[in-house]
């Protein structure tokens, strides 16, 4: 039978927990890093580049999340906490102060446009189906859609981007038809790397919150098969996850959309960004299968 993840699943599956918390943590990160290292090696990232990124994150988290207080912590304090030499802490701190992380704002804009095109009554027709929109004419035109939901981007630029990622087609008469409610980037698209980082961060933040406060954390469950299933059934399971997972996410998206509109004029301190991620996992295509 399949199990929902619980604290004793490891012993049910026959695994032995290491003795120390640190050993358990490092073993868990070893499992986490395997697919991540596979991705960075496949994309030409060297060990030195990856290690430099780890240094930056160590100092960043120690500075912003772990050391409380209004004053900036000293380099010696950060060195003590991270284990990095004082000179390295000073160098990395300077990098953090001067770097500009990549923005996911464009990804959010695309998501808002696609969501509104499928949900806003101004841009949907009978049975809630998205309308084919004229580019510049009328109150329910593509221009109006962009103006309402991404006012800092021109309709022409947004259209080019939506065409590039394959979610909008232009018909012979000039009208625009949306072909997808969600944007799933191609593997070669740099946006897919950004999505990966956001998804992993959000999952890790949930796990961290639940480790810190097991009674008041966030919903986080999974179903899995300790014994496994017939390889021939794995594609059918994938189809089931795709169908039911999208139904579930669209239900939540509908619930959130109305409340997001109501909260649009609230100051940032009165708003919370919330969401749910759904993912499937399988070792059917892996040459190396972890325990």
C-alpha atoms as a PDB file:
ATOM      1  CA  UNK A   1       0.000   0.000   0.000  1.00  0.00           C
ATOM      2  CA  UNK A   2       1.018   3.629  -0.374  1.00  0.00           C
ATOM      3  CA  UNK A   3       1.850   5.747   2.654  1.00  0.00           C
ATOM      4  CA  UNK A   4       1.333   9.408   3.431  1.00  0.00           C
ATOM      5  CA  UNK A   5       4.671  10.682   4.701  1.00  0.00           C
ATOM      6  CA  UNK A   6       4.916  10.507   8.478  1.00  0.00           C
ATOM      7  CA  UNK A   7       7.732  10.519  10.983  1.00  0.00           C
ATOM      8  CA  UNK A   8       7.931   6.721  11.232  1.00  0.00           C
ATOM      9  CA  UNK A   9       7.826   5.937   7.500  1.00  0.00           C
ATOM     10  CA  UNK A  10      11.593   5.521   7.383  1.00  0.00           C
ATOM     11  CA  UNK A  11      11.524   2.615   9.798  1.00  0.00           C
ATOM     12  CA  UNK A  12       8.468   1.126   8.049  1.00  0.00           C
ATOM     13  CA  UNK A  13      10.406   1.158   4.794  1.00  0.00           C
ATOM     14  CA  UNK A  14      13.331  -0.572   6.472  1.00  0.00           C
ATOM     15  CA  UNK A  15      15.754   2.372   6.700  1.00  0.00           C
ATOM     16  CA  UNK A  16      17.793   3.043   9.811  1.00  0.00           C
ATOM     17  CA  UNK A  17      18.001   6.629  11.052  1.00  0.00           C
ATOM     18  CA  UNK A  18      21.516   7.940  11.767  1.00  0.00           C
ATOM     19  CA  UNK A  19      22.326   8.646  15.406  1.00  0.00           C
ATOM     20  CA  UNK A  20      23.001  12.387  15.364  1.00  0.00           C
ATOM     21  CA  UNK A  21      20.848  15.242  14.066  1.00  0.00           C
ATOM     22  CA  UNK A  22      23.800  16.668  12.130  1.00  0.00           C
ATOM     23  CA  UNK A  23      24.493  13.305  10.487  1.00  0.00           C
ATOM     24  CA  UNK A  24      20.818  12.959   9.582  1.00  0.00           C
ATOM     25  CA  UNK A  25      20.774  16.489   8.163  1.00  0.00           C
ATOM     26  CA  UNK A  26      23.907  15.991   6.067  1.00  0.00           C
ATOM     27  CA  UNK A  27      22.619  12.689   4.709  1.00  0.00           C
ATOM     28  CA  UNK A  28      19.341  14.398   3.779  1.00  0.00           C
ATOM     29  CA  UNK A  29      21.207  17.161   1.958  1.00  0.00           C
ATOM     30  CA  UNK A  30      23.277  14.558   0.145  1.00  0.00           C
ATOM     31  CA  UNK A  31      20.044  13.126  -1.248  1.00  0.00           C
ATOM     32  CA  UNK A  32      18.780  16.632  -2.085  1.00  0.00           C
ATOM     33  CA  UNK A  33      22.012  17.620  -3.857  1.00  0.00           C
ATOM     34  CA  UNK A  34      22.133  14.639  -6.214  1.00  0.00           C
ATOM     35  CA  UNK A  35      19.569  15.973  -8.710  1.00  0.00           C
ATOM     36  CA  UNK A  36      20.799  19.546  -8.210  1.00  0.00           C
ATOM     37  CA  UNK A  37      24.412  18.601  -8.977  1.00  0.00           C
ATOM     38  CA  UNK A  38      23.182  16.691 -12.013  1.00  0.00           C
ATOM     39  CA  UNK A  39      21.501  19.883 -13.250  1.00  0.00           C
ATOM     40  CA  UNK A  40      24.487  22.169 -12.621  1.00  0.00           C
ATOM     41  CA  UNK A  41      26.964  19.757 -14.237  1.00  0.00           C
ATOM     42  CA  UNK A  42      24.717  19.354 -17.259  1.00  0.00           C
ATOM     43  CA  UNK A  43      24.680  23.158 -17.633  1.00  0.00           C
ATOM     44  CA  UNK A  44      28.434  23.638 -17.354  1.00  0.00           C
ATOM     45  CA  UNK A  45      28.659  24.880 -13.747  1.00  0.00           C
ATOM     46  CA  UNK A  46      31.962  23.983 -12.102  1.00  0.00           C
ATOM     47  CA  UNK A  47      32.575  22.980  -8.493  1.00  0.00           C
ATOM     48  CA  UNK A  48      34.309  26.299  -7.819  1.00  0.00           C
ATOM     49  CA  UNK A  49      31.304  28.272  -9.096  1.00  0.00           C
ATOM     50  CA  UNK A  50      28.879  26.165  -7.075  1.00  0.00           C
ATOM     51  CA  UNK A  51      31.008  26.409  -3.934  1.00  0.00           C
ATOM     52  CA  UNK A  52      31.158  30.188  -4.306  1.00  0.00           C
ATOM     53  CA  UNK A  53      27.358  30.287  -4.439  1.00  0.00           C
ATOM     54  CA  UNK A  54      27.167  28.182  -1.271  1.00  0.00           C
ATOM     55  CA  UNK A  55      29.478  30.644   0.516  1.00  0.00           C
ATOM     56  CA  UNK A  56      27.255  33.546  -0.502  1.00  0.00           C
ATOM     57  CA  UNK A  57      24.140  31.798   0.795  1.00  0.00           C
ATOM     58  CA  UNK A  58      25.814  30.833   4.087  1.00  0.00           C
ATOM     59  CA  UNK A  59      26.745  34.454   4.783  1.00  0.00           C
ATOM     60  CA  UNK A  60      23.432  35.796   3.485  1.00  0.00           C
ATOM     61  CA  UNK A  61      21.311  33.514   5.670  1.00  0.00           C
ATOM     62  CA  UNK A  62      23.480  34.068   8.729  1.00  0.00           C
ATOM     63  CA  UNK A  63      23.258  37.841   8.262  1.00  0.00           C
ATOM     64  CA  UNK A  64      19.564  38.195   7.467  1.00  0.00           C
ATOM     65  CA  UNK A  65      17.833  35.226   9.095  1.00  0.00           C
ATOM     66  CA  UNK A  66      19.783  33.874  12.041  1.00  0.00           C
ATOM     67  CA  UNK A  67      21.432  36.828  13.773  1.00  0.00           C
ATOM     68  CA  UNK A  68      18.693  39.018  15.214  1.00  0.00           C
ATOM     69  CA  UNK A  69      19.074  42.693  15.959  1.00  0.00           C
ATOM     70  CA  UNK A  70      19.063  46.037  14.232  1.00  0.00           C
ATOM     71  CA  UNK A  71      22.842  46.314  13.893  1.00  0.00           C
ATOM     72  CA  UNK A  72      24.763  44.577  11.143  1.00  0.00           C
ATOM     73  CA  UNK A  73      26.688  41.615  12.652  1.00  0.00           C
ATOM     74  CA  UNK A  74      30.454  41.812  12.718  1.00  0.00           C
ATOM     75  CA  UNK A  75      32.594  39.748  10.356  1.00  0.00           C
ATOM     76  CA  UNK A  76      33.989  37.824  13.308  1.00  0.00           C
ATOM     77  CA  UNK A  77      30.480  36.924  14.445  1.00  0.00           C
ATOM     78  CA  UNK A  78      29.588  35.733  10.960  1.00  0.00           C
ATOM     79  CA  UNK A  79      32.857  33.815  10.760  1.00  0.00           C
ATOM     80  CA  UNK A  80      32.049  32.054  14.031  1.00  0.00           C
ATOM     81  CA  UNK A  81      28.582  31.084  12.845  1.00  0.00           C
ATOM     82  CA  UNK A  82      29.430  29.997   9.282  1.00  0.00           C
ATOM     83  CA  UNK A  83      32.888  28.520   9.822  1.00  0.00           C
ATOM     84  CA  UNK A  84      34.339  30.689   7.025  1.00  0.00           C
ATOM     85  CA  UNK A  85      37.552  32.667   7.623  1.00  0.00           C
ATOM     86  CA  UNK A  86      37.029  36.336   8.505  1.00  0.00           C
ATOM     87  CA  UNK A  87      38.585  37.514   5.252  1.00  0.00           C
ATOM     88  CA  UNK A  88      36.243  35.336   3.224  1.00  0.00           C
ATOM     89  CA  UNK A  89      33.239  36.606   5.156  1.00  0.00           C
ATOM     90  CA  UNK A  90      34.236  40.203   4.395  1.00  0.00           C
ATOM     91  CA  UNK A  91      34.756  39.434   0.694  1.00  0.00           C
ATOM     92  CA  UNK A  92      31.455  37.554   0.362  1.00  0.00           C
ATOM     93  CA  UNK A  93      29.546  40.235   2.300  1.00  0.00           C
ATOM     94  CA  UNK A  94      30.774  42.796  -0.216  1.00  0.00           C
ATOM     95  CA  UNK A  95      29.523  40.601  -3.076  1.00  0.00           C
ATOM     96  CA  UNK A  96      26.083  40.330  -1.449  1.00  0.00           C
ATOM     97  CA  UNK A  97      25.780  44.094  -1.026  1.00  0.00           C
ATOM     98  CA  UNK A  98      26.592  44.758  -4.688  1.00  0.00           C
ATOM     99  CA  UNK A  99      24.878  41.934  -6.520  1.00  0.00           C
ATOM    100  CA  UNK A 100      21.493  42.116  -8.236  1.00  0.00           C
ATOM    101  CA  UNK A 101      19.612  38.809  -8.218  1.00  0.00           C
ATOM    102  CA  UNK A 102      17.617  37.884 -11.340  1.00  0.00           C
ATOM    103  CA  UNK A 103      14.005  38.968 -11.220  1.00  0.00           C
ATOM    104  CA  UNK A 104      11.025  36.635 -11.659  1.00  0.00           C
ATOM    105  CA  UNK A 105       8.750  39.600 -12.353  1.00  0.00           C
ATOM    106  CA  UNK A 106       8.324  38.731 -16.042  1.00  0.00           C
ATOM    107  CA  UNK A 107       7.245  35.196 -15.128  1.00  0.00           C
ATOM    108  CA  UNK A 108       4.637  36.606 -12.753  1.00  0.00           C
ATOM    109  CA  UNK A 109       3.347  38.959 -15.462  1.00  0.00           C
ATOM    110  CA  UNK A 110       2.793  36.082 -17.871  1.00  0.00           C
ATOM    111  CA  UNK A 111       0.984  34.130 -15.169  1.00  0.00           C
ATOM    112  CA  UNK A 112      -1.329  37.068 -14.415  1.00  0.00           C
ATOM    113  CA  UNK A 113      -2.221  37.512 -18.089  1.00  0.00           C
ATOM    114  CA  UNK A 114      -2.993  33.815 -18.617  1.00  0.00           C
ATOM    115  CA  UNK A 115      -4.982  33.590 -15.392  1.00  0.00           C
ATOM    116  CA  UNK A 116      -7.067  36.682 -16.171  1.00  0.00           C
ATOM    117  CA  UNK A 117      -7.724  35.531 -19.751  1.00  0.00           C
ATOM    118  CA  UNK A 118      -9.278  32.355 -18.318  1.00  0.00           C
ATOM    119  CA  UNK A 119     -11.078  33.884 -15.322  1.00  0.00           C
ATOM    120  CA  UNK A 120     -11.993  37.537 -15.749  1.00  0.00           C
ATOM    121  CA  UNK A 121     -15.609  37.741 -17.086  1.00  0.00           C
ATOM    122  CA  UNK A 122     -14.542  40.577 -19.373  1.00  0.00           C
ATOM    123  CA  UNK A 123     -12.287  38.179 -21.298  1.00  0.00           C
ATOM    124  CA  UNK A 124     -14.282  34.940 -21.048  1.00  0.00           C
ATOM    125  CA  UNK A 125     -17.400  33.838 -22.853  1.00  0.00           C
ATOM    126  CA  UNK A 126     -20.092  31.197 -22.304  1.00  0.00           C
ATOM    127  CA  UNK A 127     -19.159  28.422 -19.864  1.00  0.00           C
ATOM    128  CA  UNK A 128     -16.121  30.460 -18.788  1.00  0.00           C
ATOM    129  CA  UNK A 129     -14.112  29.718 -21.948  1.00  0.00           C
ATOM    130  CA  UNK A 130     -11.487  32.354 -22.858  1.00  0.00           C
ATOM    131  CA  UNK A 131     -12.486  34.653 -25.701  1.00  0.00           C
ATOM    132  CA  UNK A 132     -10.516  35.207 -28.878  1.00  0.00           C
ATOM    133  CA  UNK A 133      -9.389  38.799 -28.400  1.00  0.00           C
ATOM    134  CA  UNK A 134      -8.816  41.544 -30.921  1.00  0.00           C
ATOM    135  CA  UNK A 135      -5.419  43.120 -30.503  1.00  0.00           C
ATOM    136  CA  UNK A 136      -6.309  46.805 -30.027  1.00  0.00           C
ATOM    137  CA  UNK A 137     -10.077  47.350 -30.350  1.00  0.00           C
ATOM    138  CA  UNK A 138     -12.834  47.253 -27.751  1.00  0.00           C
ATOM    139  CA  UNK A 139     -13.191  46.985 -23.970  1.00  0.00           C
ATOM    140  CA  UNK A 140     -12.401  43.272 -24.035  1.00  0.00           C
ATOM    141  CA  UNK A 141      -9.376  43.545 -26.316  1.00  0.00           C
ATOM    142  CA  UNK A 142      -5.903  42.181 -25.714  1.00  0.00           C
ATOM    143  CA  UNK A 143      -4.739  45.758 -25.134  1.00  0.00           C
ATOM    144  CA  UNK A 144      -7.264  46.124 -22.308  1.00  0.00           C
ATOM    145  CA  UNK A 145      -6.216  42.775 -20.808  1.00  0.00           C
ATOM    146  CA  UNK A 146      -2.571  43.854 -20.679  1.00  0.00           C
ATOM    147  CA  UNK A 147      -3.480  47.301 -19.359  1.00  0.00           C
ATOM    148  CA  UNK A 148      -5.490  45.813 -16.487  1.00  0.00           C
ATOM    149  CA  UNK A 149      -3.028  43.155 -15.403  1.00  0.00           C
ATOM    150  CA  UNK A 150       0.483  44.318 -16.446  1.00  0.00           C
ATOM    151  CA  UNK A 151       0.270  48.075 -16.873  1.00  0.00           C
ATOM    152  CA  UNK A 152       4.052  48.554 -17.222  1.00  0.00           C
ATOM    153  CA  UNK A 153       4.368  46.344 -20.336  1.00  0.00           C
ATOM    154  CA  UNK A 154       3.156  47.295 -23.807  1.00  0.00           C
ATOM    155  CA  UNK A 155       0.594  44.993 -25.496  1.00  0.00           C
ATOM    156  CA  UNK A 156       2.961  44.421 -28.429  1.00  0.00           C
ATOM    157  CA  UNK A 157       5.826  43.325 -26.172  1.00  0.00           C
ATOM    158  CA  UNK A 158       3.545  41.049 -24.164  1.00  0.00           C
ATOM    159  CA  UNK A 159       2.139  39.507 -27.326  1.00  0.00           C
ATOM    160  CA  UNK A 160       5.607  38.761 -28.649  1.00  0.00           C
ATOM    161  CA  UNK A 161       6.518  37.066 -25.378  1.00  0.00           C
ATOM    162  CA  UNK A 162       3.307  35.004 -25.283  1.00  0.00           C
ATOM    163  CA  UNK A 163       3.915  33.915 -28.870  1.00  0.00           C
ATOM    164  CA  UNK A 164       7.539  33.073 -28.117  1.00  0.00           C
ATOM    165  CA  UNK A 165       6.634  30.745 -25.275  1.00  0.00           C
ATOM    166  CA  UNK A 166       3.846  29.154 -27.322  1.00  0.00           C
ATOM    167  CA  UNK A 167       0.723  30.013 -25.298  1.00  0.00           C
ATOM    168  CA  UNK A 168      -0.954  32.373 -27.799  1.00  0.00           C
ATOM    169  CA  UNK A 169      -1.568  32.077 -31.531  1.00  0.00           C
ATOM    170  CA  UNK A 170      -2.726  34.792 -33.914  1.00  0.00           C
ATOM    171  CA  UNK A 171      -5.546  33.719 -36.256  1.00  0.00           C
ATOM    172  CA  UNK A 172      -5.816  34.604 -39.929  1.00  0.00           C
ATOM    173  CA  UNK A 173      -8.172  37.489 -39.192  1.00  0.00           C
ATOM    174  CA  UNK A 174      -5.829  38.918 -36.567  1.00  0.00           C
ATOM    175  CA  UNK A 175      -7.655  37.783 -33.419  1.00  0.00           C
ATOM    176  CA  UNK A 176      -5.619  36.185 -30.623  1.00  0.00           C
ATOM    177  CA  UNK A 177      -6.376  32.764 -29.160  1.00  0.00           C
ATOM    178  CA  UNK A 178      -4.873  31.598 -25.872  1.00  0.00           C
ATOM    179  CA  UNK A 179      -3.875  27.911 -25.889  1.00  0.00           C
ATOM    180  CA  UNK A 180      -2.853  27.348 -22.282  1.00  0.00           C
ATOM    181  CA  UNK A 181      -3.968  28.483 -18.848  1.00  0.00           C
ATOM    182  CA  UNK A 182      -0.489  27.999 -17.398  1.00  0.00           C
ATOM    183  CA  UNK A 183       3.049  28.608 -18.604  1.00  0.00           C
ATOM    184  CA  UNK A 184       5.301  25.553 -18.508  1.00  0.00           C
ATOM    185  CA  UNK A 185       8.693  26.567 -19.947  1.00  0.00           C
ATOM    186  CA  UNK A 186      10.627  24.419 -22.383  1.00  0.00           C
ATOM    187  CA  UNK A 187      13.683  22.710 -20.919  1.00  0.00           C
ATOM    188  CA  UNK A 188      15.962  25.003 -22.937  1.00  0.00           C
ATOM    189  CA  UNK A 189      14.214  28.149 -21.682  1.00  0.00           C
ATOM    190  CA  UNK A 190      16.112  30.068 -18.996  1.00  0.00           C
ATOM    191  CA  UNK A 191      12.766  30.706 -17.322  1.00  0.00           C
ATOM    192  CA  UNK A 192      12.548  27.000 -16.464  1.00  0.00           C
ATOM    193  CA  UNK A 193      15.675  27.400 -14.341  1.00  0.00           C
ATOM    194  CA  UNK A 194      14.062  30.324 -12.521  1.00  0.00           C
ATOM    195  CA  UNK A 195      10.908  28.282 -11.945  1.00  0.00           C
ATOM    196  CA  UNK A 196      13.010  25.456 -10.524  1.00  0.00           C
ATOM    197  CA  UNK A 197      14.661  27.790  -8.029  1.00  0.00           C
ATOM    198  CA  UNK A 198      11.360  29.296  -6.913  1.00  0.00           C
ATOM    199  CA  UNK A 199       9.710  25.869  -6.557  1.00  0.00           C
ATOM    200  CA  UNK A 200      12.600  24.393  -4.572  1.00  0.00           C
ATOM    201  CA  UNK A 201      12.780  27.468  -2.350  1.00  0.00           C
ATOM    202  CA  UNK A 202       9.064  27.380  -1.574  1.00  0.00           C
ATOM    203  CA  UNK A 203       9.137  23.665  -0.724  1.00  0.00           C
ATOM    204  CA  UNK A 204      12.230  24.093   1.447  1.00  0.00           C
ATOM    205  CA  UNK A 205      10.649  27.071   3.256  1.00  0.00           C
ATOM    206  CA  UNK A 206       7.602  24.911   4.056  1.00  0.00           C
ATOM    207  CA  UNK A 207       9.774  22.061   5.327  1.00  0.00           C
ATOM    208  CA  UNK A 208      11.800  24.495   7.442  1.00  0.00           C
ATOM    209  CA  UNK A 209       8.625  25.993   8.922  1.00  0.00           C
ATOM    210  CA  UNK A 210       7.328  22.520   9.785  1.00  0.00           C
ATOM    211  CA  UNK A 211      10.611  21.483  11.387  1.00  0.00           C
ATOM    212  CA  UNK A 212      10.626  24.685  13.444  1.00  0.00           C
ATOM    213  CA  UNK A 213       6.968  24.487  14.478  1.00  0.00           C
ATOM    214  CA  UNK A 214       5.543  20.975  13.907  1.00  0.00           C
ATOM    215  CA  UNK A 215       2.159  21.903  15.431  1.00  0.00           C
ATOM    216  CA  UNK A 216       1.582  25.144  13.532  1.00  0.00           C
ATOM    217  CA  UNK A 217       3.275  24.549  10.187  1.00  0.00           C
ATOM    218  CA  UNK A 218       1.903  24.283   6.655  1.00  0.00           C
ATOM    219  CA  UNK A 219       0.197  21.420   4.865  1.00  0.00           C
ATOM    220  CA  UNK A 220       2.800  19.062   3.414  1.00  0.00           C
ATOM    221  CA  UNK A 221       1.973  15.460   2.529  1.00  0.00           C
ATOM    222  CA  UNK A 222       2.917  12.920  -0.061  1.00  0.00           C
ATOM    223  CA  UNK A 223       1.843   9.467  -1.177  1.00  0.00           C
ATOM    224  CA  UNK A 224       4.428   6.936  -2.219  1.00  0.00           C
ATOM    225  CA  UNK A 225       4.956   3.218  -2.784  1.00  0.00           C
ATOM    226  CA  UNK A 226       7.687   1.662  -0.594  1.00  0.00           C
ATOM    227  CA  UNK A 227       7.468  -1.573  -2.598  1.00  0.00           C
ATOM    228  CA  UNK A 228       6.889  -0.010  -6.007  1.00  0.00           C
ATOM    229  CA  UNK A 229       4.484  -0.665  -8.878  1.00  0.00           C
ATOM    230  CA  UNK A 230       4.784  -2.377 -12.237  1.00  0.00           C
ATOM    231  CA  UNK A 231       6.841  -0.193 -14.597  1.00  0.00           C
ATOM    232  CA  UNK A 232       4.045  -0.553 -17.147  1.00  0.00           C
ATOM    233  CA  UNK A 233       1.689   1.264 -14.747  1.00  0.00           C
ATOM    234  CA  UNK A 234       3.938   4.290 -14.243  1.00  0.00           C
ATOM    235  CA  UNK A 235       2.734   6.148 -17.365  1.00  0.00           C
ATOM    236  CA  UNK A 236      -0.908   5.625 -16.332  1.00  0.00           C
ATOM    237  CA  UNK A 237      -0.085   7.056 -12.900  1.00  0.00           C
ATOM    238  CA  UNK A 238       1.561  10.051 -14.574  1.00  0.00           C
ATOM    239  CA  UNK A 239      -1.586  10.673 -16.633  1.00  0.00           C
ATOM    240  CA  UNK A 240      -3.725  10.473 -13.469  1.00  0.00           C
ATOM    241  CA  UNK A 241      -1.490  12.967 -11.636  1.00  0.00           C
ATOM    242  CA  UNK A 242      -1.583  15.375 -14.593  1.00  0.00           C
ATOM    243  CA  UNK A 243      -5.370  15.254 -14.770  1.00  0.00           C
ATOM    244  CA  UNK A 244      -6.250  15.390 -11.071  1.00  0.00           C
ATOM    245  CA  UNK A 245      -3.358  17.682 -10.163  1.00  0.00           C
ATOM    246  CA  UNK A 246      -4.449  20.321 -12.674  1.00  0.00           C
ATOM    247  CA  UNK A 247      -8.079  20.072 -11.509  1.00  0.00           C
ATOM    248  CA  UNK A 248      -6.934  20.632  -7.926  1.00  0.00           C
ATOM    249  CA  UNK A 249      -4.709  23.596  -8.816  1.00  0.00           C
ATOM    250  CA  UNK A 250      -7.390  25.261 -10.929  1.00  0.00           C
ATOM    251  CA  UNK A 251      -9.845  24.982  -8.013  1.00  0.00           C
ATOM    252  CA  UNK A 252      -7.355  26.742  -5.738  1.00  0.00           C
ATOM    253  CA  UNK A 253      -6.528  29.294  -8.422  1.00  0.00           C
ATOM    254  CA  UNK A 254     -10.215  30.200  -8.761  1.00  0.00           C
ATOM    255  CA  UNK A 255     -10.481  30.623  -4.981  1.00  0.00           C
ATOM    256  CA  UNK A 256      -7.363  32.805  -4.830  1.00  0.00           C
ATOM    257  CA  UNK A 257      -8.131  35.019  -7.823  1.00  0.00           C
ATOM    258  CA  UNK A 258     -11.140  36.777  -6.301  1.00  0.00           C
ATOM    259  CA  UNK A 259      -9.357  37.385  -3.032  1.00  0.00           C
ATOM    260  CA  UNK A 260      -6.260  38.666  -4.829  1.00  0.00           C
ATOM    261  CA  UNK A 261      -8.404  41.241  -6.621  1.00  0.00           C
ATOM    262  CA  UNK A 262      -9.948  42.316  -3.301  1.00  0.00           C
ATOM    263  CA  UNK A 263      -6.481  42.728  -1.752  1.00  0.00           C
ATOM    264  CA  UNK A 264      -4.939  44.607  -4.674  1.00  0.00           C
ATOM    265  CA  UNK A 265      -5.224  48.032  -3.005  1.00  0.00           C
ATOM    266  CA  UNK A 266      -3.986  46.901   0.408  1.00  0.00           C
ATOM    267  CA  UNK A 267      -0.479  47.943   1.509  1.00  0.00           C
ATOM    268  CA  UNK A 268       2.171  45.228   1.259  1.00  0.00           C
ATOM    269  CA  UNK A 269       2.342  44.753   5.035  1.00  0.00           C
ATOM    270  CA  UNK A 270      -1.299  43.647   5.018  1.00  0.00           C
ATOM    271  CA  UNK A 271      -0.837  41.013   2.289  1.00  0.00           C
ATOM    272  CA  UNK A 272       0.629  37.507   2.293  1.00  0.00           C
ATOM    273  CA  UNK A 273       1.804  35.599  -0.775  1.00  0.00           C
ATOM    274  CA  UNK A 274       0.403  32.077  -0.537  1.00  0.00           C
ATOM    275  CA  UNK A 275       0.300  29.098  -2.857  1.00  0.00           C
ATOM    276  CA  UNK A 276       0.452  25.336  -3.287  1.00  0.00           C
ATOM    277  CA  UNK A 277       2.849  23.254  -5.371  1.00  0.00           C
ATOM    278  CA  UNK A 278       2.032  19.787  -6.719  1.00  0.00           C
ATOM    279  CA  UNK A 279       4.705  17.501  -8.120  1.00  0.00           C
ATOM    280  CA  UNK A 280       5.107  13.855  -9.100  1.00  0.00           C
ATOM    281  CA  UNK A 281       8.226  11.791  -8.455  1.00  0.00           C
ATOM    282  CA  UNK A 282       9.390   8.500  -9.965  1.00  0.00           C
ATOM    283  CA  UNK A 283      12.616   6.584 -10.425  1.00  0.00           C
ATOM    284  CA  UNK A 284      11.358   4.777 -13.537  1.00  0.00           C
ATOM    285  CA  UNK A 285      13.713   6.715 -15.818  1.00  0.00           C
ATOM    286  CA  UNK A 286      16.743   6.873 -13.530  1.00  0.00           C
ATOM    287  CA  UNK A 287      19.764   4.730 -14.218  1.00  0.00           C
ATOM    288  CA  UNK A 288      20.870   5.212 -10.601  1.00  0.00           C
ATOM    289  CA  UNK A 289      18.132   4.637  -8.060  1.00  0.00           C
ATOM    290  CA  UNK A 290      18.660   5.992  -4.576  1.00  0.00           C
ATOM    291  CA  UNK A 291      17.688   3.962  -1.525  1.00  0.00           C
END
